[in-house]
Amino acid sequence: MTNLNPCQQYNKVQVELAWARYRQGEAQAYDLLYHYYFERLCRFSQKQLNDIHIAKNIAAEVLVKLYQHPAPQSIKRLEQWLYKVAHNLCISHLRKSKTKRSLMSFLKFSFRSKQAYNGVETTLHKLDMEQAYQVLSSKEKAVLRWAAKGYSAAEIAQMNDCAPKTISNQLAIARKKLRAVL
């Protein structure tokens, strides 16, 4: 096997041959596939996320998934599979970051002292945001989303056709549940 240069340009025929060899169990063929697809997957992910660091992580994760795939012979179209996995990982990242941003925005305005907020913010970065978010009921999640977008309890109450005190109570319950988890 020759030394592979990440900057070397490979043609489609070389990549197809490497893929065929890899599917037959030749692990060294993976190197060529990695070098050929890494930058392409980075560019693809960066277009969706606008963050090169996260895009590189996703590209690497896609290629690790290929390497760890229990049956690469079952993958009919490699390029299509790689881009689909990258797309799914980008969507997953966006969902997680959206939930985290909304919750952080809400919490920033929910805590009375900056010191308390900073302590909670530090803790939140260590926790899985989706897990913390799952302790809330669907009503509390909805009210929390509106509050995170900057709506007051009175405005949320008007949109939901209920009393402002009801919304305030739901927000207080949501804060209490989140504090208990954190």
N, C-alpha and C. Protein backbone atom coordinates (compact mmCIF):
# COMPACT_ATOMS: atom_id res chain seq x y z
N MET A 1 0.86 -1.19 0.00
CA MET A 1 0.00 0.00 0.00
C MET A 1 0.89 1.24 0.00
N THR A 2 0.59 2.17 -0.86
CA THR A 2 1.37 3.41 -0.93
C THR A 2 0.91 4.38 0.13
N ASN A 3 1.79 5.30 0.50
CA ASN A 3 1.40 6.34 1.46
C ASN A 3 0.37 7.24 0.83
N LEU A 4 -0.65 7.55 1.58
CA LEU A 4 -1.72 8.39 1.06
C LEU A 4 -1.51 9.83 1.50
N ASN A 5 -1.63 10.71 0.59
CA ASN A 5 -1.52 12.14 0.85
C ASN A 5 -2.92 12.71 0.91
N PRO A 6 -3.33 13.34 2.01
CA PRO A 6 -4.69 13.87 2.12
C PRO A 6 -4.99 14.90 1.04
N CYS A 7 -3.98 15.56 0.53
CA CYS A 7 -4.20 16.59 -0.48
C CYS A 7 -4.24 16.02 -1.89
N GLN A 8 -3.86 14.75 -2.04
CA GLN A 8 -3.82 14.13 -3.35
C GLN A 8 -5.23 14.08 -3.93
N GLN A 9 -5.32 14.30 -5.22
CA GLN A 9 -6.61 14.24 -5.89
C GLN A 9 -6.84 12.81 -6.37
N TYR A 10 -7.94 12.24 -6.00
CA TYR A 10 -8.30 10.91 -6.44
C TYR A 10 -9.42 11.03 -7.45
N ASN A 11 -9.42 10.13 -8.42
CA ASN A 11 -10.51 10.16 -9.37
C ASN A 11 -11.58 9.15 -8.94
N LYS A 12 -12.71 9.22 -9.58
CA LYS A 12 -13.86 8.40 -9.20
C LYS A 12 -13.55 6.91 -9.34
N VAL A 13 -12.75 6.56 -10.34
CA VAL A 13 -12.42 5.15 -10.56
C VAL A 13 -11.61 4.62 -9.37
N GLN A 14 -10.63 5.39 -8.91
CA GLN A 14 -9.84 4.97 -7.75
C GLN A 14 -10.72 4.81 -6.52
N VAL A 15 -11.66 5.71 -6.34
CA VAL A 15 -12.55 5.66 -5.18
C VAL A 15 -13.46 4.43 -5.28
N GLU A 16 -14.00 4.18 -6.46
CA GLU A 16 -14.87 3.01 -6.64
C GLU A 16 -14.10 1.71 -6.40
N LEU A 17 -12.85 1.65 -6.88
CA LEU A 17 -12.02 0.47 -6.65
C LEU A 17 -11.72 0.30 -5.15
N ALA A 18 -11.42 1.41 -4.48
CA ALA A 18 -11.15 1.36 -3.04
C ALA A 18 -12.39 0.89 -2.29
N TRP A 19 -13.56 1.37 -2.71
CA TRP A 19 -14.81 0.97 -2.06
C TRP A 19 -15.05 -0.53 -2.26
N ALA A 20 -14.79 -1.01 -3.46
CA ALA A 20 -14.97 -2.44 -3.73
C ALA A 20 -14.01 -3.27 -2.86
N ARG A 21 -12.76 -2.81 -2.75
CA ARG A 21 -11.78 -3.52 -1.92
C ARG A 21 -12.20 -3.48 -0.44
N TYR A 22 -12.69 -2.32 0.01
CA TYR A 22 -13.10 -2.20 1.41
C TYR A 22 -14.29 -3.11 1.71
N ARG A 23 -15.22 -3.18 0.79
CA ARG A 23 -16.39 -4.05 0.97
C ARG A 23 -15.99 -5.52 1.05
N GLN A 24 -14.86 -5.86 0.43
CA GLN A 24 -14.36 -7.24 0.47
C GLN A 24 -13.50 -7.50 1.70
N GLY A 25 -13.32 -6.46 2.53
CA GLY A 25 -12.62 -6.67 3.79
C GLY A 25 -11.21 -6.11 3.85
N GLU A 26 -10.76 -5.40 2.83
CA GLU A 26 -9.42 -4.81 2.85
C GLU A 26 -9.46 -3.48 3.61
N ALA A 27 -9.02 -3.51 4.84
CA ALA A 27 -9.12 -2.34 5.73
C ALA A 27 -8.29 -1.16 5.23
N GLN A 28 -7.18 -1.41 4.53
CA GLN A 28 -6.33 -0.31 4.06
C GLN A 28 -7.02 0.57 3.02
N ALA A 29 -8.00 0.03 2.33
CA ALA A 29 -8.74 0.82 1.33
C ALA A 29 -9.53 1.94 1.99
N TYR A 30 -9.82 1.78 3.28
CA TYR A 30 -10.55 2.81 4.03
C TYR A 30 -9.81 4.14 4.02
N ASP A 31 -8.49 4.11 4.08
CA ASP A 31 -7.69 5.35 4.09
C ASP A 31 -8.00 6.23 2.88
N LEU A 32 -8.03 5.62 1.72
CA LEU A 32 -8.34 6.40 0.51
C LEU A 32 -9.76 6.97 0.59
N LEU A 33 -10.70 6.16 1.04
CA LEU A 33 -12.09 6.64 1.18
C LEU A 33 -12.16 7.80 2.16
N TYR A 34 -11.44 7.67 3.26
CA TYR A 34 -11.43 8.74 4.27
C TYR A 34 -10.91 10.04 3.66
N HIS A 35 -9.76 9.96 3.00
CA HIS A 35 -9.15 11.17 2.44
C HIS A 35 -10.00 11.77 1.32
N TYR A 36 -10.65 10.93 0.56
CA TYR A 36 -11.46 11.43 -0.54
C TYR A 36 -12.73 12.13 -0.02
N TYR A 37 -13.38 11.54 0.98
CA TYR A 37 -14.68 12.06 1.41
C TYR A 37 -14.63 13.06 2.56
N PHE A 38 -13.57 13.11 3.33
CA PHE A 38 -13.56 13.97 4.51
C PHE A 38 -13.84 15.43 4.16
N GLU A 39 -13.08 16.02 3.26
CA GLU A 39 -13.29 17.43 2.90
C GLU A 39 -14.65 17.67 2.27
N ARG A 40 -15.10 16.72 1.48
CA ARG A 40 -16.42 16.86 0.83
C ARG A 40 -17.53 16.87 1.89
N LEU A 41 -17.42 15.98 2.87
CA LEU A 41 -18.42 15.94 3.94
C LEU A 41 -18.33 17.18 4.83
N CYS A 42 -17.12 17.70 5.01
CA CYS A 42 -16.96 18.96 5.77
C CYS A 42 -17.70 20.10 5.08
N ARG A 43 -17.47 20.23 3.78
CA ARG A 43 -18.14 21.31 3.03
C ARG A 43 -19.66 21.15 3.07
N PHE A 44 -20.12 19.91 2.89
CA PHE A 44 -21.56 19.63 2.92
C PHE A 44 -22.16 20.03 4.28
N SER A 45 -21.49 19.62 5.37
CA SER A 45 -21.99 19.91 6.71
C SER A 45 -21.89 21.39 7.04
N GLN A 46 -20.83 22.03 6.57
CA GLN A 46 -20.66 23.46 6.85
C GLN A 46 -21.76 24.28 6.19
N LYS A 47 -22.21 23.88 5.02
CA LYS A 47 -23.31 24.59 4.35
C LYS A 47 -24.58 24.54 5.20
N GLN A 48 -24.77 23.44 5.91
CA GLN A 48 -25.98 23.31 6.73
C GLN A 48 -25.85 23.97 8.09
N LEU A 49 -24.63 24.00 8.63
CA LEU A 49 -24.44 24.46 10.01
C LEU A 49 -23.75 25.81 10.16
N ASN A 50 -23.04 26.25 9.13
CA ASN A 50 -22.27 27.50 9.17
C ASN A 50 -21.23 27.51 10.30
N ASP A 51 -20.67 26.34 10.58
CA ASP A 51 -19.64 26.23 11.62
C ASP A 51 -18.66 25.15 11.20
N ILE A 52 -17.45 25.55 10.82
CA ILE A 52 -16.48 24.59 10.29
C ILE A 52 -16.03 23.58 11.34
N HIS A 53 -15.94 23.98 12.59
CA HIS A 53 -15.48 23.05 13.64
C HIS A 53 -16.49 21.92 13.85
N ILE A 54 -17.76 22.26 13.91
CA ILE A 54 -18.79 21.24 14.07
C ILE A 54 -18.88 20.41 12.80
N ALA A 55 -18.71 21.05 11.64
CA ALA A 55 -18.76 20.33 10.37
C ALA A 55 -17.65 19.28 10.30
N LYS A 56 -16.46 19.62 10.77
CA LYS A 56 -15.35 18.65 10.78
C LYS A 56 -15.66 17.49 11.72
N ASN A 57 -16.25 17.79 12.86
CA ASN A 57 -16.62 16.72 13.79
C ASN A 57 -17.66 15.78 13.17
N ILE A 58 -18.62 16.37 12.48
CA ILE A 58 -19.65 15.55 11.85
C ILE A 58 -19.06 14.71 10.73
N ALA A 59 -18.19 15.30 9.91
CA ALA A 59 -17.55 14.54 8.83
C ALA A 59 -16.77 13.36 9.40
N ALA A 60 -16.03 13.60 10.46
CA ALA A 60 -15.26 12.52 11.09
C ALA A 60 -16.20 11.45 11.65
N GLU A 61 -17.29 11.89 12.26
CA GLU A 61 -18.24 10.94 12.84
C GLU A 61 -18.88 10.07 11.75
N VAL A 62 -19.18 10.66 10.60
CA VAL A 62 -19.76 9.90 9.49
C VAL A 62 -18.77 8.82 9.04
N LEU A 63 -17.52 9.20 8.91
CA LEU A 63 -16.51 8.24 8.44
C LEU A 63 -16.22 7.17 9.50
N VAL A 64 -16.34 7.51 10.76
CA VAL A 64 -16.21 6.51 11.82
C VAL A 64 -17.38 5.53 11.74
N LYS A 65 -18.58 6.05 11.48
CA LYS A 65 -19.74 5.17 11.34
C LYS A 65 -19.54 4.20 10.18
N LEU A 66 -18.94 4.68 9.10
CA LEU A 66 -18.64 3.79 7.98
C LEU A 66 -17.66 2.71 8.43
N TYR A 67 -16.62 3.11 9.13
CA TYR A 67 -15.59 2.16 9.58
C TYR A 67 -16.17 1.13 10.54
N GLN A 68 -17.08 1.56 11.40
CA GLN A 68 -17.67 0.67 12.39
C GLN A 68 -18.90 -0.08 11.88
N HIS A 69 -19.32 0.21 10.67
CA HIS A 69 -20.51 -0.44 10.12
C HIS A 69 -20.31 -1.95 10.12
N PRO A 70 -21.26 -2.69 10.68
CA PRO A 70 -21.08 -4.14 10.80
C PRO A 70 -21.08 -4.88 9.45
N ALA A 71 -21.74 -4.30 8.46
CA ALA A 71 -21.82 -4.98 7.16
C ALA A 71 -21.74 -3.95 6.03
N PRO A 72 -20.53 -3.47 5.72
CA PRO A 72 -20.43 -2.48 4.65
C PRO A 72 -20.91 -3.03 3.29
N GLN A 73 -20.97 -4.34 3.17
CA GLN A 73 -21.47 -4.93 1.92
C GLN A 73 -22.92 -4.57 1.68
N SER A 74 -23.65 -4.26 2.75
CA SER A 74 -25.07 -3.93 2.61
C SER A 74 -25.30 -2.51 2.10
N ILE A 75 -24.26 -1.68 2.10
CA ILE A 75 -24.39 -0.31 1.60
C ILE A 75 -24.26 -0.36 0.08
N LYS A 76 -25.34 -0.06 -0.60
CA LYS A 76 -25.35 -0.15 -2.06
C LYS A 76 -24.65 1.04 -2.72
N ARG A 77 -24.99 2.24 -2.27
CA ARG A 77 -24.41 3.47 -2.84
C ARG A 77 -23.70 4.23 -1.73
N LEU A 78 -22.40 4.14 -1.71
CA LEU A 78 -21.60 4.71 -0.63
C LEU A 78 -21.82 6.20 -0.48
N GLU A 79 -21.68 6.94 -1.57
CA GLU A 79 -21.76 8.40 -1.49
C GLU A 79 -23.13 8.84 -0.96
N GLN A 80 -24.17 8.21 -1.47
CA GLN A 80 -25.52 8.54 -1.01
C GLN A 80 -25.66 8.24 0.49
N TRP A 81 -25.13 7.12 0.94
CA TRP A 81 -25.19 6.74 2.35
C TRP A 81 -24.43 7.75 3.21
N LEU A 82 -23.23 8.13 2.79
CA LEU A 82 -22.42 9.07 3.56
C LEU A 82 -23.12 10.41 3.73
N TYR A 83 -23.66 10.94 2.63
CA TYR A 83 -24.31 12.24 2.71
C TYR A 83 -25.62 12.18 3.50
N LYS A 84 -26.30 11.06 3.45
CA LYS A 84 -27.53 10.91 4.23
C LYS A 84 -27.20 10.88 5.73
N VAL A 85 -26.15 10.15 6.10
CA VAL A 85 -25.74 10.10 7.50
C VAL A 85 -25.30 11.49 7.95
N ALA A 86 -24.53 12.20 7.12
CA ALA A 86 -24.09 13.55 7.46
C ALA A 86 -25.29 14.48 7.64
N HIS A 87 -26.24 14.39 6.73
CA HIS A 87 -27.45 15.22 6.82
C HIS A 87 -28.19 14.95 8.12
N ASN A 88 -28.36 13.68 8.48
CA ASN A 88 -29.06 13.33 9.72
C ASN A 88 -28.32 13.83 10.95
N LEU A 89 -27.00 13.74 10.94
CA LEU A 89 -26.23 14.24 12.08
C LEU A 89 -26.33 15.76 12.19
N CYS A 90 -26.36 16.46 11.06
CA CYS A 90 -26.52 17.92 11.08
C CYS A 90 -27.88 18.30 11.66
N ILE A 91 -28.92 17.61 11.23
CA ILE A 91 -30.26 17.89 11.75
C ILE A 91 -30.32 17.61 13.25
N SER A 92 -29.73 16.51 13.66
CA SER A 92 -29.70 16.18 15.09
C SER A 92 -28.98 17.26 15.88
N HIS A 93 -27.86 17.74 15.36
CA HIS A 93 -27.11 18.81 16.03
C HIS A 93 -27.95 20.09 16.13
N LEU A 94 -28.63 20.44 15.04
CA LEU A 94 -29.45 21.65 15.04
C LEU A 94 -30.60 21.55 16.05
N ARG A 95 -31.21 20.39 16.13
CA ARG A 95 -32.29 20.20 17.11
C ARG A 95 -31.79 20.38 18.53
N LYS A 96 -30.66 19.76 18.82
CA LYS A 96 -30.10 19.86 20.18
C LYS A 96 -29.71 21.29 20.51
N SER A 97 -29.09 21.98 19.55
CA SER A 97 -28.63 23.34 19.84
C SER A 97 -29.82 24.30 19.94
N LYS A 98 -30.88 24.06 19.19
CA LYS A 98 -32.07 24.92 19.27
C LYS A 98 -32.72 24.78 20.64
N THR A 99 -32.86 23.55 21.12
CA THR A 99 -33.44 23.31 22.43
C THR A 99 -32.59 23.97 23.51
N LYS A 100 -31.28 23.81 23.38
CA LYS A 100 -30.37 24.37 24.38
C LYS A 100 -30.45 25.90 24.39
N ARG A 101 -30.47 26.52 23.19
CA ARG A 101 -30.54 27.99 23.12
C ARG A 101 -31.83 28.51 23.74
N SER A 102 -32.96 27.85 23.44
CA SER A 102 -34.24 28.30 23.99
C SER A 102 -34.25 28.19 25.50
N LEU A 103 -33.77 27.07 26.01
CA LEU A 103 -33.77 26.87 27.45
C LEU A 103 -32.83 27.85 28.14
N MET A 104 -31.64 28.07 27.57
CA MET A 104 -30.69 28.99 28.16
C MET A 104 -31.25 30.42 28.16
N SER A 105 -31.91 30.79 27.08
CA SER A 105 -32.50 32.12 26.99
C SER A 105 -33.56 32.29 28.08
N PHE A 106 -34.39 31.29 28.26
CA PHE A 106 -35.42 31.37 29.28
C PHE A 106 -34.81 31.45 30.67
N LEU A 107 -33.85 30.58 30.94
CA LEU A 107 -33.25 30.55 32.27
C LEU A 107 -32.53 31.85 32.61
N LYS A 108 -31.94 32.47 31.60
CA LYS A 108 -31.22 33.71 31.83
C LYS A 108 -32.14 34.77 32.43
N PHE A 109 -33.39 34.78 31.98
CA PHE A 109 -34.34 35.77 32.47
C PHE A 109 -35.14 35.27 33.67
N SER A 110 -35.03 33.99 33.98
CA SER A 110 -35.81 33.42 35.07
C SER A 110 -35.15 33.57 36.43
N PHE A 111 -33.84 33.59 36.45
CA PHE A 111 -33.15 33.67 37.73
C PHE A 111 -32.94 35.13 38.11
N ARG A 112 -33.18 35.40 39.37
CA ARG A 112 -33.13 36.79 39.84
C ARG A 112 -31.71 37.31 39.93
N SER A 113 -30.77 36.48 40.35
CA SER A 113 -29.40 36.97 40.50
C SER A 113 -28.51 36.40 39.39
N LYS A 114 -27.58 37.21 38.96
CA LYS A 114 -26.65 36.79 37.92
C LYS A 114 -25.79 35.62 38.40
N GLN A 115 -25.46 35.61 39.68
CA GLN A 115 -24.63 34.54 40.23
C GLN A 115 -25.37 33.20 40.13
N ALA A 116 -26.65 33.20 40.47
CA ALA A 116 -27.44 31.97 40.37
C ALA A 116 -27.52 31.50 38.93
N TYR A 117 -27.73 32.43 38.00
CA TYR A 117 -27.80 32.07 36.59
C TYR A 117 -26.48 31.50 36.11
N ASN A 118 -25.36 32.13 36.47
CA ASN A 118 -24.05 31.63 36.03
C ASN A 118 -23.79 30.22 36.54
N GLY A 119 -24.21 29.94 37.77
CA GLY A 119 -24.04 28.60 38.31
C GLY A 119 -24.87 27.58 37.55
N VAL A 120 -26.11 27.95 37.23
CA VAL A 120 -26.99 27.05 36.49
C VAL A 120 -26.47 26.89 35.06
N GLU A 121 -26.00 27.98 34.47
CA GLU A 121 -25.48 27.91 33.10
C GLU A 121 -24.31 26.93 33.01
N THR A 122 -23.42 27.00 33.98
CA THR A 122 -22.28 26.09 34.00
C THR A 122 -22.75 24.64 34.12
N THR A 123 -23.72 24.41 34.98
CA THR A 123 -24.24 23.07 35.16
C THR A 123 -24.93 22.58 33.90
N LEU A 124 -25.69 23.46 33.25
CA LEU A 124 -26.41 23.06 32.04
C LEU A 124 -25.48 22.62 30.94
N HIS A 125 -24.34 23.23 30.83
CA HIS A 125 -23.40 22.84 29.79
C HIS A 125 -22.89 21.42 30.02
N LYS A 126 -22.96 20.96 31.25
CA LYS A 126 -22.47 19.63 31.57
C LYS A 126 -23.56 18.58 31.38
N LEU A 127 -24.79 18.99 31.36
CA LEU A 127 -25.90 18.04 31.28
C LEU A 127 -26.42 17.91 29.87
N ASP A 128 -27.08 16.85 29.62
CA ASP A 128 -27.75 16.66 28.34
C ASP A 128 -29.04 17.49 28.37
N MET A 129 -29.13 18.47 27.49
CA MET A 129 -30.25 19.41 27.52
C MET A 129 -31.58 18.71 27.25
N GLU A 130 -31.57 17.75 26.39
CA GLU A 130 -32.83 17.08 26.10
C GLU A 130 -33.36 16.34 27.32
N GLN A 131 -32.47 15.79 28.11
CA GLN A 131 -32.89 15.08 29.31
C GLN A 131 -33.54 16.05 30.29
N ALA A 132 -32.95 17.22 30.47
CA ALA A 132 -33.52 18.22 31.37
C ALA A 132 -34.88 18.69 30.84
N TYR A 133 -34.98 18.82 29.55
CA TYR A 133 -36.21 19.31 28.91
C TYR A 133 -37.34 18.29 29.03
N GLN A 134 -37.00 17.01 29.11
CA GLN A 134 -38.01 15.94 29.13
C GLN A 134 -38.79 15.88 30.43
N VAL A 135 -38.32 16.50 31.49
CA VAL A 135 -39.05 16.46 32.76
C VAL A 135 -40.29 17.35 32.72
N LEU A 136 -40.38 18.20 31.71
CA LEU A 136 -41.51 19.13 31.62
C LEU A 136 -42.68 18.51 30.88
N SER A 137 -43.90 18.91 31.27
CA SER A 137 -45.10 18.47 30.55
C SER A 137 -45.18 19.24 29.23
N SER A 138 -46.06 18.80 28.35
CA SER A 138 -46.19 19.47 27.05
C SER A 138 -46.64 20.92 27.22
N LYS A 139 -47.52 21.18 28.19
CA LYS A 139 -47.96 22.56 28.46
C LYS A 139 -46.78 23.42 28.91
N GLU A 140 -45.99 22.87 29.84
CA GLU A 140 -44.85 23.62 30.36
C GLU A 140 -43.82 23.88 29.28
N LYS A 141 -43.62 22.89 28.40
CA LYS A 141 -42.68 23.08 27.29
C LYS A 141 -43.16 24.19 26.36
N ALA A 142 -44.45 24.20 26.06
CA ALA A 142 -45.01 25.22 25.17
C ALA A 142 -44.87 26.61 25.79
N VAL A 143 -45.23 26.72 27.05
CA VAL A 143 -45.13 28.02 27.75
C VAL A 143 -43.66 28.45 27.83
N LEU A 144 -42.79 27.50 28.08
CA LEU A 144 -41.36 27.78 28.15
C LEU A 144 -40.83 28.30 26.81
N ARG A 145 -41.29 27.69 25.72
CA ARG A 145 -40.86 28.15 24.39
C ARG A 145 -41.30 29.59 24.13
N TRP A 146 -42.54 29.90 24.48
CA TRP A 146 -43.04 31.26 24.28
C TRP A 146 -42.26 32.25 25.14
N ALA A 147 -42.01 31.87 26.38
CA ALA A 147 -41.26 32.75 27.29
C ALA A 147 -39.84 32.95 26.78
N ALA A 148 -39.23 31.90 26.23
CA ALA A 148 -37.87 32.00 25.70
C ALA A 148 -37.81 32.93 24.49
N LYS A 149 -38.94 33.03 23.79
CA LYS A 149 -38.99 33.93 22.63
C LYS A 149 -39.26 35.38 23.04
N GLY A 150 -39.45 35.60 24.33
CA GLY A 150 -39.59 36.96 24.82
C GLY A 150 -41.00 37.41 25.13
N TYR A 151 -41.97 36.51 25.03
CA TYR A 151 -43.35 36.89 25.34
C TYR A 151 -43.56 36.95 26.84
N SER A 152 -44.37 37.90 27.27
CA SER A 152 -44.70 38.02 28.70
C SER A 152 -45.80 37.01 29.05
N ALA A 153 -46.01 36.81 30.35
CA ALA A 153 -47.06 35.90 30.80
C ALA A 153 -48.42 36.35 30.29
N ALA A 154 -48.66 37.66 30.27
CA ALA A 154 -49.94 38.19 29.80
C ALA A 154 -50.14 37.89 28.31
N GLU A 155 -49.07 38.05 27.51
CA GLU A 155 -49.18 37.78 26.07
C GLU A 155 -49.39 36.30 25.80
N ILE A 156 -48.70 35.46 26.54
CA ILE A 156 -48.87 34.00 26.37
C ILE A 156 -50.28 33.61 26.78
N ALA A 157 -50.77 34.19 27.87
CA ALA A 157 -52.13 33.90 28.34
C ALA A 157 -53.16 34.31 27.29
N GLN A 158 -52.95 35.45 26.67
CA GLN A 158 -53.88 35.91 25.64
C GLN A 158 -53.89 34.95 24.45
N MET A 159 -52.72 34.48 24.05
CA MET A 159 -52.63 33.54 22.92
C MET A 159 -53.28 32.19 23.25
N ASN A 160 -53.21 31.79 24.52
CA ASN A 160 -53.74 30.49 24.93
C ASN A 160 -55.13 30.58 25.55
N ASP A 161 -55.68 31.78 25.56
CA ASP A 161 -57.04 32.00 26.08
C ASP A 161 -57.18 31.49 27.52
N CYS A 162 -56.27 31.97 28.36
CA CYS A 162 -56.34 31.63 29.78
C CYS A 162 -55.85 32.83 30.60
N ALA A 163 -55.86 32.68 31.90
CA ALA A 163 -55.47 33.79 32.78
C ALA A 163 -53.95 33.91 32.85
N PRO A 164 -53.44 35.15 32.96
CA PRO A 164 -51.99 35.35 33.09
C PRO A 164 -51.40 34.63 34.31
N LYS A 165 -52.19 34.53 35.37
CA LYS A 165 -51.72 33.85 36.58
C LYS A 165 -51.46 32.36 36.30
N THR A 166 -52.28 31.76 35.41
CA THR A 166 -52.08 30.36 35.03
C THR A 166 -50.73 30.18 34.36
N ILE A 167 -50.40 31.10 33.46
CA ILE A 167 -49.12 31.04 32.75
C ILE A 167 -47.97 31.25 33.73
N SER A 168 -48.13 32.21 34.62
CA SER A 168 -47.09 32.45 35.63
C SER A 168 -46.85 31.21 36.49
N ASN A 169 -47.95 30.55 36.86
CA ASN A 169 -47.83 29.31 37.65
C ASN A 169 -47.12 28.22 36.86
N GLN A 170 -47.46 28.07 35.57
CA GLN A 170 -46.81 27.06 34.74
C GLN A 170 -45.31 27.35 34.58
N LEU A 171 -44.97 28.62 34.43
CA LEU A 171 -43.56 28.99 34.33
C LEU A 171 -42.83 28.69 35.64
N ALA A 172 -43.48 28.99 36.76
CA ALA A 172 -42.87 28.72 38.07
C ALA A 172 -42.67 27.21 38.28
N ILE A 173 -43.65 26.43 37.87
CA ILE A 173 -43.54 24.97 38.00
C ILE A 173 -42.42 24.45 37.11
N ALA A 174 -42.33 24.98 35.90
CA ALA A 174 -41.27 24.56 34.97
C ALA A 174 -39.90 24.89 35.56
N ARG A 175 -39.76 26.10 36.10
CA ARG A 175 -38.48 26.50 36.73
C ARG A 175 -38.14 25.56 37.90
N LYS A 176 -39.16 25.24 38.70
CA LYS A 176 -38.95 24.39 39.86
C LYS A 176 -38.49 22.99 39.42
N LYS A 177 -39.13 22.45 38.39
CA LYS A 177 -38.75 21.13 37.88
C LYS A 177 -37.32 21.16 37.33
N LEU A 178 -37.00 22.20 36.58
CA LEU A 178 -35.66 22.28 36.01
C LEU A 178 -34.60 22.44 37.10
N ARG A 179 -34.92 23.23 38.12
CA ARG A 179 -33.96 23.36 39.24
C ARG A 179 -33.74 22.03 39.93
N ALA A 180 -34.82 21.24 40.06
CA ALA A 180 -34.70 19.93 40.71
C ALA A 180 -33.80 18.99 39.90
N VAL A 181 -33.90 19.06 38.59
CA VAL A 181 -33.08 18.22 37.73
C VAL A 181 -31.64 18.69 37.74
N LEU A 182 -31.48 20.00 37.79
CA LEU A 182 -30.13 20.56 37.74
C LEU A 182 -29.50 20.51 39.11
